[in-house]
Amino acid sequence: MRKADQIELPDGTRAAILYEDRSVLAIDKPAGWMLAPESWAKTSRNLQRALMLSVQAREHWARSRNLRYVRFVHRLDAETSGVLLLAKTPGALSVLSRLFETRQVRKKYLAVVRGHPPQGKWICRLKIAPAPDAPGRMQADAAGGKQAETAFAVLRQGRQSALVEAVPVTGRTHQIRVHLAASGHPVLGDALYGEKGPVLALRAVEIAYLDPFQRRPVRIHAPTEEFLRQHHFEDFRKPVDIS
């Protein structure tokens, strides 16, 4: 049976399958889908729940792979799109989760921010903690926050915005968004840390790691053309690369 190259979600959205091996699937997560436990049914856009119901229903993408299990290994914010790694077995989930916990996975994002950052490159190490007066919101907190580090590079300037590459070293909740907002250049469309807009201009474009089972390097890319076009940087052609 020919394997499907995309997954159709309950609302008709299609998530492309970007990469697959014996342990994982990587999909292009669409914006607007939340990563929460399968049992959490307070939203119709719980991606884990939708995937497992699809697996249980033996829909073609799962049946063509004889999949019985799938679980997200790491998180992306609900409104962030891009590369999402899914484990195909509980054993793979345990091993791959450890890679993320020990910072052996390199992640790269593209963000479009308000204004023009004065530095071409910089590293932000502001600590991050939950905002006590705003559930679901994080804040820079030098005294009580957890260590956080993100490397940024300005790739291109627009008229009133800039295209920025973000490489987080740690994985705190909303880390890139908090660090950019603290710099005075929040992500466009970020209702929590900047100004509300039609879409959050943040996309996970690459994941790279050493496969713990086959001991070979894995590098997974998400397409960037539509993101760049949507935010008026369609002429940007810098190759995506993690050093």
C-alpha atoms as a PDB file:
ATOM      1  CA  MET A   1       0.000   0.000   0.000  1.00  0.00           C
ATOM      2  CA  ARG A   2       1.380   3.388  -0.967  1.00  0.00           C
ATOM      3  CA  LYS A   3       2.015   5.588   2.052  1.00  0.00           C
ATOM      4  CA  ALA A   4       0.116   8.872   2.273  1.00  0.00           C
ATOM      5  CA  ASP A   5       2.310  11.966   2.331  1.00  0.00           C
ATOM      6  CA  GLN A   6      -0.083  14.081   4.387  1.00  0.00           C
ATOM      7  CA  ILE A   7      -2.617  13.837   7.197  1.00  0.00           C
ATOM      8  CA  GLU A   8      -6.099  15.306   6.882  1.00  0.00           C
ATOM      9  CA  LEU A   9      -7.306  16.765  10.187  1.00  0.00           C
ATOM     10  CA  PRO A  10     -10.988  16.905  11.213  1.00  0.00           C
ATOM     11  CA  ASP A  11     -11.488  20.470   9.938  1.00  0.00           C
ATOM     12  CA  GLY A  12     -10.083  19.594   6.526  1.00  0.00           C
ATOM     13  CA  THR A  13      -6.637  21.074   7.193  1.00  0.00           C
ATOM     14  CA  ARG A  14      -3.829  18.969   5.726  1.00  0.00           C
ATOM     15  CA  ALA A  15      -0.538  18.463   7.561  1.00  0.00           C
ATOM     16  CA  ALA A  16       2.299  17.394   5.279  1.00  0.00           C
ATOM     17  CA  ILE A  17       4.561  14.558   6.407  1.00  0.00           C
ATOM     18  CA  LEU A  18       8.066  16.012   6.164  1.00  0.00           C
ATOM     19  CA  TYR A  19      10.179  13.042   7.278  1.00  0.00           C
ATOM     20  CA  GLU A  20       9.840   9.470   8.449  1.00  0.00           C
ATOM     21  CA  ASP A  21      12.023   6.657   9.728  1.00  0.00           C
ATOM     22  CA  ARG A  22      11.411   3.608  11.900  1.00  0.00           C
ATOM     23  CA  SER A  23      11.091   5.721  15.071  1.00  0.00           C
ATOM     24  CA  VAL A  24       9.490   9.002  14.095  1.00  0.00           C
ATOM     25  CA  LEU A  25       7.253  10.980  11.830  1.00  0.00           C
ATOM     26  CA  ALA A  26       7.808  14.690  11.381  1.00  0.00           C
ATOM     27  CA  ILE A  27       4.846  16.742  10.207  1.00  0.00           C
ATOM     28  CA  ASP A  28       4.294  20.353   9.208  1.00  0.00           C
ATOM     29  CA  LYS A  29       2.071  21.380  12.111  1.00  0.00           C
ATOM     30  CA  PRO A  30      -0.590  23.870  11.024  1.00  0.00           C
ATOM     31  CA  ALA A  31      -1.162  27.004  13.081  1.00  0.00           C
ATOM     32  CA  GLY A  32      -4.153  26.937  15.405  1.00  0.00           C
ATOM     33  CA  TRP A  33      -3.712  23.368  16.675  1.00  0.00           C
ATOM     34  CA  MET A  34      -2.898  22.791  20.334  1.00  0.00           C
ATOM     35  CA  LEU A  35      -0.542  20.143  21.717  1.00  0.00           C
ATOM     36  CA  ALA A  36      -2.248  18.771  24.805  1.00  0.00           C
ATOM     37  CA  PRO A  37      -2.881  15.316  26.315  1.00  0.00           C
ATOM     38  CA  GLU A  38      -5.153  13.101  24.237  1.00  0.00           C
ATOM     39  CA  SER A  39      -7.761  13.090  27.028  1.00  0.00           C
ATOM     40  CA  TRP A  40      -8.096  16.897  27.028  1.00  0.00           C
ATOM     41  CA  ALA A  41     -11.299  17.524  25.067  1.00  0.00           C
ATOM     42  CA  LYS A  42     -11.960  21.208  25.815  1.00  0.00           C
ATOM     43  CA  THR A  43     -11.066  22.166  22.248  1.00  0.00           C
ATOM     44  CA  SER A  44     -11.801  20.639  18.865  1.00  0.00           C
ATOM     45  CA  ARG A  45      -8.226  21.544  17.858  1.00  0.00           C
ATOM     46  CA  ASN A  46      -6.300  19.191  20.135  1.00  0.00           C
ATOM     47  CA  LEU A  47      -3.766  17.823  17.651  1.00  0.00           C
ATOM     48  CA  GLN A  48      -2.743  14.808  19.752  1.00  0.00           C
ATOM     49  CA  ARG A  49      -6.370  13.765  20.178  1.00  0.00           C
ATOM     50  CA  ALA A  50      -7.091  14.221  16.471  1.00  0.00           C
ATOM     51  CA  LEU A  51      -4.054  12.132  15.489  1.00  0.00           C
ATOM     52  CA  MET A  52      -4.850   9.283  17.867  1.00  0.00           C
ATOM     53  CA  LEU A  53      -8.511   9.177  16.798  1.00  0.00           C
ATOM     54  CA  SER A  54      -7.278   9.020  13.209  1.00  0.00           C
ATOM     55  CA  VAL A  55      -4.899   6.159  14.086  1.00  0.00           C
ATOM     56  CA  GLN A  56      -7.685   4.290  15.884  1.00  0.00           C
ATOM     57  CA  ALA A  57      -9.994   4.784  12.908  1.00  0.00           C
ATOM     58  CA  ARG A  58      -7.276   3.263  10.668  1.00  0.00           C
ATOM     59  CA  GLU A  59      -7.364   6.180   8.275  1.00  0.00           C
ATOM     60  CA  HIS A  60      -5.198   5.755   5.212  1.00  0.00           C
ATOM     61  CA  TRP A  61      -2.110   7.685   6.378  1.00  0.00           C
ATOM     62  CA  ALA A  62      -1.944   5.511   9.524  1.00  0.00           C
ATOM     63  CA  ARG A  63      -3.107   2.240   7.979  1.00  0.00           C
ATOM     64  CA  SER A  64      -0.547   2.512   5.169  1.00  0.00           C
ATOM     65  CA  ARG A  65       2.173   2.561   7.856  1.00  0.00           C
ATOM     66  CA  ASN A  66       0.514   0.041  10.166  1.00  0.00           C
ATOM     67  CA  LEU A  67       0.675   2.704  12.871  1.00  0.00           C
ATOM     68  CA  ARG A  68      -0.880   1.917  16.247  1.00  0.00           C
ATOM     69  CA  TYR A  69       0.670   4.761  18.243  1.00  0.00           C
ATOM     70  CA  VAL A  70       1.745   8.345  17.706  1.00  0.00           C
ATOM     71  CA  ARG A  71       2.706  11.001  20.267  1.00  0.00           C
ATOM     72  CA  PHE A  72       4.305  14.433  20.024  1.00  0.00           C
ATOM     73  CA  VAL A  73       7.854  14.517  21.390  1.00  0.00           C
ATOM     74  CA  HIS A  74       8.144  18.262  21.966  1.00  0.00           C
ATOM     75  CA  ARG A  75       5.798  21.237  21.929  1.00  0.00           C
ATOM     76  CA  LEU A  76       5.036  24.127  19.625  1.00  0.00           C
ATOM     77  CA  ASP A  77       2.739  26.955  20.672  1.00  0.00           C
ATOM     78  CA  ALA A  78      -0.785  26.532  19.318  1.00  0.00           C
ATOM     79  CA  GLU A  79      -0.392  29.403  16.836  1.00  0.00           C
ATOM     80  CA  THR A  80       3.126  28.399  15.738  1.00  0.00           C
ATOM     81  CA  SER A  81       3.434  26.315  12.589  1.00  0.00           C
ATOM     82  CA  GLY A  82       6.237  24.116  11.345  1.00  0.00           C
ATOM     83  CA  VAL A  83       8.332  21.030  12.105  1.00  0.00           C
ATOM     84  CA  LEU A  84       6.827  18.809  14.791  1.00  0.00           C
ATOM     85  CA  LEU A  85       8.406  15.482  15.725  1.00  0.00           C
ATOM     86  CA  LEU A  86       6.096  12.548  16.521  1.00  0.00           C
ATOM     87  CA  ALA A  87       7.221   9.265  18.082  1.00  0.00           C
ATOM     88  CA  LYS A  88       5.840   6.037  16.591  1.00  0.00           C
ATOM     89  CA  THR A  89       6.308   3.905  19.722  1.00  0.00           C
ATOM     90  CA  PRO A  90       6.404   4.541  23.496  1.00  0.00           C
ATOM     91  CA  GLY A  91      10.056   3.440  23.508  1.00  0.00           C
ATOM     92  CA  ALA A  92      10.971   5.966  20.841  1.00  0.00           C
ATOM     93  CA  LEU A  93       9.074   8.662  22.758  1.00  0.00           C
ATOM     94  CA  SER A  94      11.139   8.033  25.892  1.00  0.00           C
ATOM     95  CA  VAL A  95      14.494   8.108  24.083  1.00  0.00           C
ATOM     96  CA  LEU A  96      13.699  11.111  21.884  1.00  0.00           C
ATOM     97  CA  SER A  97      12.224  13.091  24.782  1.00  0.00           C
ATOM     98  CA  ARG A  98      15.543  12.639  26.541  1.00  0.00           C
ATOM     99  CA  LEU A  99      17.332  14.221  23.569  1.00  0.00           C
ATOM    100  CA  PHE A 100      15.210  17.344  23.957  1.00  0.00           C
ATOM    101  CA  GLU A 101      15.635  17.411  27.732  1.00  0.00           C
ATOM    102  CA  THR A 102      19.428  17.228  27.426  1.00  0.00           C
ATOM    103  CA  ARG A 103      19.575  19.871  24.676  1.00  0.00           C
ATOM    104  CA  GLN A 104      20.842  17.513  21.993  1.00  0.00           C
ATOM    105  CA  VAL A 105      18.299  18.780  19.456  1.00  0.00           C
ATOM    106  CA  ARG A 106      18.958  21.955  17.466  1.00  0.00           C
ATOM    107  CA  LYS A 107      15.864  23.946  16.519  1.00  0.00           C
ATOM    108  CA  LYS A 108      15.544  26.886  14.194  1.00  0.00           C
ATOM    109  CA  TYR A 109      12.633  29.301  13.742  1.00  0.00           C
ATOM    110  CA  LEU A 110      11.800  32.205  11.488  1.00  0.00           C
ATOM    111  CA  ALA A 111       9.983  35.172  13.018  1.00  0.00           C
ATOM    112  CA  VAL A 112       8.786  38.451  11.588  1.00  0.00           C
ATOM    113  CA  VAL A 113       9.043  41.172  14.212  1.00  0.00           C
ATOM    114  CA  ARG A 114       7.849  44.729  14.587  1.00  0.00           C
ATOM    115  CA  GLY A 115      10.463  47.356  13.783  1.00  0.00           C
ATOM    116  CA  HIS A 116      14.161  46.965  13.084  1.00  0.00           C
ATOM    117  CA  PRO A 117      16.384  45.451  15.801  1.00  0.00           C
ATOM    118  CA  PRO A 118      19.540  47.580  16.096  1.00  0.00           C
ATOM    119  CA  GLN A 119      21.837  44.545  16.307  1.00  0.00           C
ATOM    120  CA  GLY A 120      22.478  42.202  13.417  1.00  0.00           C
ATOM    121  CA  LYS A 121      23.038  39.318  15.843  1.00  0.00           C
ATOM    122  CA  TRP A 122      22.504  38.967  19.565  1.00  0.00           C
ATOM    123  CA  ILE A 123      21.940  36.412  22.319  1.00  0.00           C
ATOM    124  CA  CYS A 124      19.200  36.890  24.895  1.00  0.00           C
ATOM    125  CA  ARG A 125      19.626  35.171  28.266  1.00  0.00           C
ATOM    126  CA  LEU A 126      16.733  36.725  30.186  1.00  0.00           C
ATOM    127  CA  LYS A 127      15.251  34.278  32.679  1.00  0.00           C
ATOM    128  CA  ILE A 128      11.583  33.372  32.173  1.00  0.00           C
ATOM    129  CA  ALA A 129       8.772  32.668  34.645  1.00  0.00           C
ATOM    130  CA  PRO A 130       4.943  32.535  34.562  1.00  0.00           C
ATOM    131  CA  ALA A 131       3.324  35.951  34.925  1.00  0.00           C
ATOM    132  CA  PRO A 132       1.555  35.807  38.315  1.00  0.00           C
ATOM    133  CA  ASP A 133      -1.360  38.006  37.273  1.00  0.00           C
ATOM    134  CA  ALA A 134      -1.969  36.522  33.806  1.00  0.00           C
ATOM    135  CA  PRO A 135      -2.531  32.747  33.494  1.00  0.00           C
ATOM    136  CA  GLY A 136      -0.966  31.350  30.325  1.00  0.00           C
ATOM    137  CA  ARG A 137       1.404  34.277  29.946  1.00  0.00           C
ATOM    138  CA  MET A 138       5.143  34.249  30.647  1.00  0.00           C
ATOM    139  CA  GLN A 139       7.481  37.107  31.517  1.00  0.00           C
ATOM    140  CA  ALA A 140      11.150  37.956  31.880  1.00  0.00           C
ATOM    141  CA  ASP A 141      11.992  37.512  35.569  1.00  0.00           C
ATOM    142  CA  ALA A 142      15.618  37.951  36.623  1.00  0.00           C
ATOM    143  CA  ALA A 143      14.944  36.956  40.237  1.00  0.00           C
ATOM    144  CA  GLY A 144      12.545  34.025  40.009  1.00  0.00           C
ATOM    145  CA  GLY A 145      12.755  32.861  36.419  1.00  0.00           C
ATOM    146  CA  LYS A 146      14.353  29.775  34.885  1.00  0.00           C
ATOM    147  CA  GLN A 147      17.460  29.992  32.709  1.00  0.00           C
ATOM    148  CA  ALA A 148      16.655  30.678  29.060  1.00  0.00           C
ATOM    149  CA  GLU A 149      18.837  31.407  26.052  1.00  0.00           C
ATOM    150  CA  THR A 150      18.029  32.271  22.438  1.00  0.00           C
ATOM    151  CA  ALA A 151      20.366  33.318  19.615  1.00  0.00           C
ATOM    152  CA  PHE A 152      18.910  35.786  17.107  1.00  0.00           C
ATOM    153  CA  ALA A 153      20.055  37.050  13.713  1.00  0.00           C
ATOM    154  CA  VAL A 154      18.363  39.628  11.495  1.00  0.00           C
ATOM    155  CA  LEU A 155      18.081  38.180   7.983  1.00  0.00           C
ATOM    156  CA  ARG A 156      16.262  40.986   6.173  1.00  0.00           C
ATOM    157  CA  GLN A 157      14.588  44.299   6.966  1.00  0.00           C
ATOM    158  CA  GLY A 158      11.205  45.316   5.591  1.00  0.00           C
ATOM    159  CA  ARG A 159       9.588  48.731   5.729  1.00  0.00           C
ATOM    160  CA  GLN A 160       8.335  48.403   9.310  1.00  0.00           C
ATOM    161  CA  SER A 161       9.351  44.867  10.165  1.00  0.00           C
ATOM    162  CA  ALA A 162      12.287  42.489  10.098  1.00  0.00           C
ATOM    163  CA  LEU A 163      12.776  38.816   9.297  1.00  0.00           C
ATOM    164  CA  VAL A 164      14.646  37.207  12.179  1.00  0.00           C
ATOM    165  CA  GLU A 165      16.183  33.769  12.660  1.00  0.00           C
ATOM    166  CA  ALA A 166      15.837  32.372  16.185  1.00  0.00           C
ATOM    167  CA  VAL A 167      17.772  29.404  17.573  1.00  0.00           C
ATOM    168  CA  PRO A 168      16.672  28.560  21.135  1.00  0.00           C
ATOM    169  CA  VAL A 169      19.191  26.751  23.338  1.00  0.00           C
ATOM    170  CA  THR A 170      16.674  26.097  26.106  1.00  0.00           C
ATOM    171  CA  GLY A 171      12.989  25.279  25.641  1.00  0.00           C
ATOM    172  CA  ARG A 172      10.955  27.475  27.970  1.00  0.00           C
ATOM    173  CA  THR A 173       7.302  28.164  27.259  1.00  0.00           C
ATOM    174  CA  HIS A 174       6.929  31.080  24.801  1.00  0.00           C
ATOM    175  CA  GLN A 175      10.694  31.606  25.017  1.00  0.00           C
ATOM    176  CA  ILE A 176      11.253  33.165  21.585  1.00  0.00           C
ATOM    177  CA  ARG A 177       8.177  35.364  21.909  1.00  0.00           C
ATOM    178  CA  VAL A 178       9.133  36.614  25.397  1.00  0.00           C
ATOM    179  CA  HIS A 179      12.739  37.299  24.411  1.00  0.00           C
ATOM    180  CA  LEU A 180      11.753  39.210  21.277  1.00  0.00           C
ATOM    181  CA  ALA A 181       9.121  41.225  23.137  1.00  0.00           C
ATOM    182  CA  ALA A 182      11.686  42.074  25.818  1.00  0.00           C
ATOM    183  CA  SER A 183      13.976  43.393  23.065  1.00  0.00           C
ATOM    184  CA  GLY A 184      11.254  45.818  22.005  1.00  0.00           C
ATOM    185  CA  HIS A 185      10.535  43.896  18.792  1.00  0.00           C
ATOM    186  CA  PRO A 186       7.632  41.490  19.410  1.00  0.00           C
ATOM    187  CA  VAL A 187       6.552  38.910  16.866  1.00  0.00           C
ATOM    188  CA  LEU A 188       3.885  40.278  14.553  1.00  0.00           C
ATOM    189  CA  GLY A 189       0.423  38.999  15.402  1.00  0.00           C
ATOM    190  CA  ASP A 190       1.364  38.099  18.980  1.00  0.00           C
ATOM    191  CA  ALA A 191      -1.663  39.043  21.067  1.00  0.00           C
ATOM    192  CA  LEU A 192       0.048  37.989  24.333  1.00  0.00           C
ATOM    193  CA  TYR A 193       3.281  39.947  24.005  1.00  0.00           C
ATOM    194  CA  GLY A 194       2.657  42.515  21.301  1.00  0.00           C
ATOM    195  CA  GLU A 195      -0.327  43.395  19.161  1.00  0.00           C
ATOM    196  CA  LYS A 196      -3.068  41.066  17.992  1.00  0.00           C
ATOM    197  CA  GLY A 197      -2.998  40.246  14.303  1.00  0.00           C
ATOM    198  CA  PRO A 198      -4.430  37.745  11.842  1.00  0.00           C
ATOM    199  CA  VAL A 199      -1.584  35.221  12.320  1.00  0.00           C
ATOM    200  CA  LEU A 200       1.404  34.734  14.599  1.00  0.00           C
ATOM    201  CA  ALA A 201       4.472  35.314  12.399  1.00  0.00           C
ATOM    202  CA  LEU A 202       6.521  32.481  13.897  1.00  0.00           C
ATOM    203  CA  ARG A 203       7.433  29.236  12.153  1.00  0.00           C
ATOM    204  CA  ALA A 204       9.586  26.273  13.186  1.00  0.00           C
ATOM    205  CA  VAL A 205      11.669  25.648  10.070  1.00  0.00           C
ATOM    206  CA  GLU A 206      14.288  23.085  11.093  1.00  0.00           C
ATOM    207  CA  ILE A 207      15.138  20.367  13.603  1.00  0.00           C
ATOM    208  CA  ALA A 208      18.506  18.566  13.670  1.00  0.00           C
ATOM    209  CA  TYR A 209      19.759  15.755  15.919  1.00  0.00           C
ATOM    210  CA  LEU A 210      21.784  12.564  15.972  1.00  0.00           C
ATOM    211  CA  ASP A 211      19.426   9.608  15.599  1.00  0.00           C
ATOM    212  CA  PRO A 212      19.866   7.663  18.869  1.00  0.00           C
ATOM    213  CA  PHE A 213      18.947   4.351  17.247  1.00  0.00           C
ATOM    214  CA  GLN A 214      20.880   4.427  13.975  1.00  0.00           C
ATOM    215  CA  ARG A 215      23.581   6.891  15.087  1.00  0.00           C
ATOM    216  CA  ARG A 216      23.250   9.074  12.013  1.00  0.00           C
ATOM    217  CA  PRO A 217      22.508  12.791  11.682  1.00  0.00           C
ATOM    218  CA  VAL A 218      18.923  13.791  10.940  1.00  0.00           C
ATOM    219  CA  ARG A 219      17.959  17.227   9.659  1.00  0.00           C
ATOM    220  CA  ILE A 220      14.325  18.044   8.923  1.00  0.00           C
ATOM    221  CA  HIS A 221      13.148  21.170   7.124  1.00  0.00           C
ATOM    222  CA  ALA A 222       9.720  22.754   6.800  1.00  0.00           C
ATOM    223  CA  PRO A 223       8.927  24.775   3.661  1.00  0.00           C
ATOM    224  CA  THR A 224       9.337  28.532   4.092  1.00  0.00           C
ATOM    225  CA  GLU A 225       8.024  29.928   0.792  1.00  0.00           C
ATOM    226  CA  GLU A 226       4.431  30.519   1.911  1.00  0.00           C
ATOM    227  CA  PHE A 227       5.503  32.002   5.257  1.00  0.00           C
ATOM    228  CA  LEU A 228       7.876  34.423   3.520  1.00  0.00           C
ATOM    229  CA  ARG A 229       5.264  35.377   0.939  1.00  0.00           C
ATOM    230  CA  GLN A 230       2.594  35.935   3.581  1.00  0.00           C
ATOM    231  CA  HIS A 231       4.843  38.357   5.430  1.00  0.00           C
ATOM    232  CA  HIS A 232       6.233  40.113   2.337  1.00  0.00           C
ATOM    233  CA  PHE A 233       9.722  38.615   2.380  1.00  0.00           C
ATOM    234  CA  GLU A 234       9.223  36.422  -0.679  1.00  0.00           C
ATOM    235  CA  ASP A 235      12.452  37.642  -2.240  1.00  0.00           C
ATOM    236  CA  PHE A 236      14.502  36.194   0.630  1.00  0.00           C
ATOM    237  CA  ARG A 237      16.456  33.134  -0.534  1.00  0.00           C
ATOM    238  CA  LYS A 238      19.082  32.519   2.176  1.00  0.00           C
ATOM    239  CA  PRO A 239      19.575  28.735   2.516  1.00  0.00           C
ATOM    240  CA  VAL A 240      18.446  27.290   5.835  1.00  0.00           C
ATOM    241  CA  ASP A 241      21.393  25.840   7.740  1.00  0.00           C
ATOM    242  CA  ILE A 242      22.208  25.054  11.352  1.00  0.00           C
ATOM    243  CA  SER A 243      25.846  25.448  12.303  1.00  0.00           C
END
